[in-house]
Amino acid sequence: MTDKAWSAAMCPAENVTANAKCRNTKYPRSDVERFHVPDDKVDWVVDWLDYRPPTFTSPHASGKPWSDPEHRY
């Protein structure tokens, strides 16, 4: 499967419900605002040079075995 086909299968821009949990205005359990992503920019294969989301890691994720390595310990 090509990268574009993979992206379309996993996260099609027209299927907004696939991204409903991560497209709200704030990160869960925080007051940190998410960077708004319009529907036409949801697909990972879309180039978007102005995309600059905030750096945020939930304190809930720290020390968990499923978190990124820099947040596990």
Protein backbone atom coordinates (compact mmCIF):
# COMPACT_ATOMS: atom_id res chain seq x y z
CA MET A 1 0.00 0.00 0.00
CA THR A 2 1.39 3.42 -0.91
CA ASP A 3 1.80 6.13 1.74
CA LYS A 4 -1.07 8.08 0.21
CA ALA A 5 -3.36 5.03 0.17
CA TRP A 6 -2.38 4.20 3.75
CA SER A 7 -3.14 7.74 4.88
CA ALA A 8 -6.47 7.82 3.07
CA ALA A 9 -7.44 4.48 4.59
CA MET A 10 -6.46 5.45 8.12
CA CYS A 11 -7.42 9.11 8.28
CA PRO A 12 -9.50 10.37 5.35
CA ALA A 13 -10.20 14.10 5.52
CA GLU A 14 -13.87 13.57 4.70
CA ASN A 15 -14.25 11.21 7.67
CA VAL A 16 -14.06 13.79 10.44
CA THR A 17 -15.45 11.37 13.03
CA ALA A 18 -12.23 9.36 12.77
CA ASN A 19 -10.48 12.31 14.38
CA ALA A 20 -13.22 13.54 16.72
CA LYS A 21 -11.26 12.87 19.93
CA CYS A 22 -8.28 14.93 18.83
CA ARG A 23 -10.12 17.77 17.12
CA ASN A 24 -11.66 19.47 20.13
CA THR A 25 -10.41 22.85 21.31
CA LYS A 26 -8.36 21.78 24.33
CA TYR A 27 -6.18 18.84 25.27
CA PRO A 28 -7.98 16.49 27.72
CA ARG A 29 -7.66 17.43 31.38
CA SER A 30 -5.85 20.68 30.56
CA ASP A 31 -6.35 24.30 29.61
CA VAL A 32 -3.89 24.04 26.70
CA GLU A 33 -5.53 25.02 23.40
CA ARG A 34 -5.07 22.71 20.43
CA PHE A 35 -3.95 24.05 17.06
CA HIS A 36 -7.07 24.14 14.86
CA VAL A 37 -6.83 21.79 11.87
CA PRO A 38 -9.36 22.43 9.11
CA ASP A 39 -10.95 19.41 7.41
CA ASP A 40 -8.90 19.84 4.24
CA LYS A 41 -5.64 19.58 6.24
CA VAL A 42 -6.44 16.46 8.33
CA ASP A 43 -4.88 13.95 5.93
CA TRP A 44 -1.18 13.39 6.72
CA VAL A 45 -0.19 13.61 3.05
CA VAL A 46 -1.32 17.25 2.85
CA ASP A 47 1.60 19.68 3.05
CA TRP A 48 0.90 22.45 5.56
CA LEU A 49 3.92 24.60 6.31
CA ASP A 50 2.01 26.81 8.78
CA TYR A 51 1.14 23.87 11.05
CA ARG A 52 2.68 24.64 14.43
CA PRO A 53 0.89 22.81 17.23
CA PRO A 54 1.84 23.54 20.82
CA THR A 55 4.21 21.20 22.59
CA PHE A 56 2.10 19.34 25.13
CA THR A 57 2.44 16.14 27.10
CA SER A 58 -0.24 15.30 29.61
CA PRO A 59 1.06 14.68 33.12
CA HIS A 60 -1.14 11.57 32.97
CA ALA A 61 1.16 10.12 30.27
CA SER A 62 4.37 10.52 32.26
CA GLY A 63 5.85 7.24 33.43
CA LYS A 64 3.46 5.04 31.46
CA PRO A 65 4.88 2.12 29.42
CA TRP A 66 2.86 3.25 26.36
CA SER A 67 4.12 6.83 26.39
CA ASP A 68 6.96 8.07 24.21
CA PRO A 69 10.39 7.05 25.59
CA GLU A 70 11.30 10.55 26.78
CA HIS A 71 8.20 10.54 29.03
CA ARG A 72 8.44 7.04 30.48
CA TYR A 73 10.73 7.80 33.43
